[in-house]
Amino acid sequence: MGDLLIRDLPVQTHDELKRRAQAAGMSLQAYAAQVLGQHTIAPSLEEWLRSLAELPRHPEISGAETIRAVRDELL
């Protein structure tokens, strides 16, 4: 397992992380590790957008048309 040292963390950020860790019944170190772990599970925005671009297109219906149709149904 690797180690991570974060320098110059804003005081407000540190205080909020401590508060959330306490509320979760965790140490600050365990809480920060959990938050970072959850963050890395999800794809980055760039990866997510790239995966959307790779989806097959419907040959007859555009995404914009679909969104308009759904909006019209909701109104």
Protein backbone atom coordinates (compact mmCIF):
# COMPACT_ATOMS: atom_id res chain seq x y z
CA MET A 1 0.00 0.00 0.00
CA GLY A 2 1.28 3.46 -0.85
CA ASP A 3 1.56 6.55 1.29
CA LEU A 4 0.40 10.06 0.44
CA LEU A 5 1.34 13.31 2.15
CA ILE A 6 -0.69 16.40 1.28
CA ARG A 7 0.99 19.71 2.06
CA ASP A 8 -0.62 23.14 2.18
CA LEU A 9 -4.18 21.83 2.43
CA PRO A 10 -6.48 24.78 3.12
CA VAL A 11 -7.54 24.93 6.77
CA GLN A 12 -11.24 24.89 5.82
CA THR A 13 -10.76 21.73 3.77
CA HIS A 14 -8.84 20.01 6.56
CA ASP A 15 -11.45 21.00 9.15
CA GLU A 16 -14.31 19.74 6.97
CA LEU A 17 -12.57 16.44 6.30
CA LYS A 18 -11.97 16.02 10.04
CA ARG A 19 -15.63 16.80 10.76
CA ARG A 20 -16.85 14.29 8.17
CA ALA A 21 -14.42 11.65 9.40
CA GLN A 22 -15.67 12.11 12.97
CA ALA A 23 -19.28 11.92 11.84
CA ALA A 24 -18.49 8.66 10.05
CA GLY A 25 -16.68 7.30 13.10
CA MET A 26 -13.41 7.10 11.19
CA SER A 27 -9.92 8.48 11.51
CA LEU A 28 -9.03 11.31 9.17
CA GLN A 29 -6.54 9.03 7.42
CA ALA A 30 -9.10 6.26 6.88
CA TYR A 31 -11.74 8.74 5.73
CA ALA A 32 -9.39 10.44 3.25
CA ALA A 33 -8.34 7.04 1.88
CA GLN A 34 -12.01 6.08 1.45
CA VAL A 35 -12.85 9.35 -0.34
CA LEU A 36 -9.88 9.01 -2.67
CA GLY A 37 -10.71 5.37 -3.33
CA GLN A 38 -14.30 6.24 -4.25
CA HIS A 39 -13.06 9.03 -6.50
CA THR A 40 -10.83 6.68 -8.47
CA ILE A 41 -13.57 4.07 -9.00
CA ALA A 42 -15.54 6.36 -11.28
CA PRO A 43 -14.04 7.21 -14.67
CA SER A 44 -12.61 10.67 -15.17
CA LEU A 45 -14.75 13.13 -17.10
CA GLU A 46 -12.44 12.74 -20.11
CA GLU A 47 -12.74 8.93 -20.00
CA TRP A 48 -16.52 9.12 -19.62
CA LEU A 49 -16.92 11.51 -22.54
CA ARG A 50 -14.68 9.33 -24.69
CA SER A 51 -16.79 6.26 -23.84
CA LEU A 52 -19.93 8.18 -24.86
CA ALA A 53 -18.36 9.09 -28.17
CA GLU A 54 -17.65 5.40 -28.78
CA LEU A 55 -21.28 4.31 -28.32
CA PRO A 56 -22.99 3.15 -31.49
CA ARG A 57 -25.30 5.68 -33.08
CA HIS A 58 -28.90 4.94 -33.98
CA PRO A 59 -29.15 5.22 -37.74
CA GLU A 60 -32.53 6.96 -37.76
CA ILE A 61 -32.92 8.93 -34.52
CA SER A 62 -30.65 11.67 -33.20
CA GLY A 63 -30.02 12.23 -29.50
CA ALA A 64 -31.35 15.78 -29.81
CA GLU A 65 -34.63 14.50 -31.24
CA THR A 66 -34.96 12.00 -28.42
CA ILE A 67 -34.37 14.67 -25.77
CA ARG A 68 -36.93 16.98 -27.41
CA ALA A 69 -39.51 14.18 -27.49
CA VAL A 70 -39.00 13.36 -23.82
CA ARG A 71 -39.17 17.05 -22.87
CA ASP A 72 -42.41 17.41 -24.81
CA GLU A 73 -43.88 14.42 -22.95
CA LEU A 74 -42.97 15.99 -19.60
CA LEU A 75 -44.61 19.33 -20.36
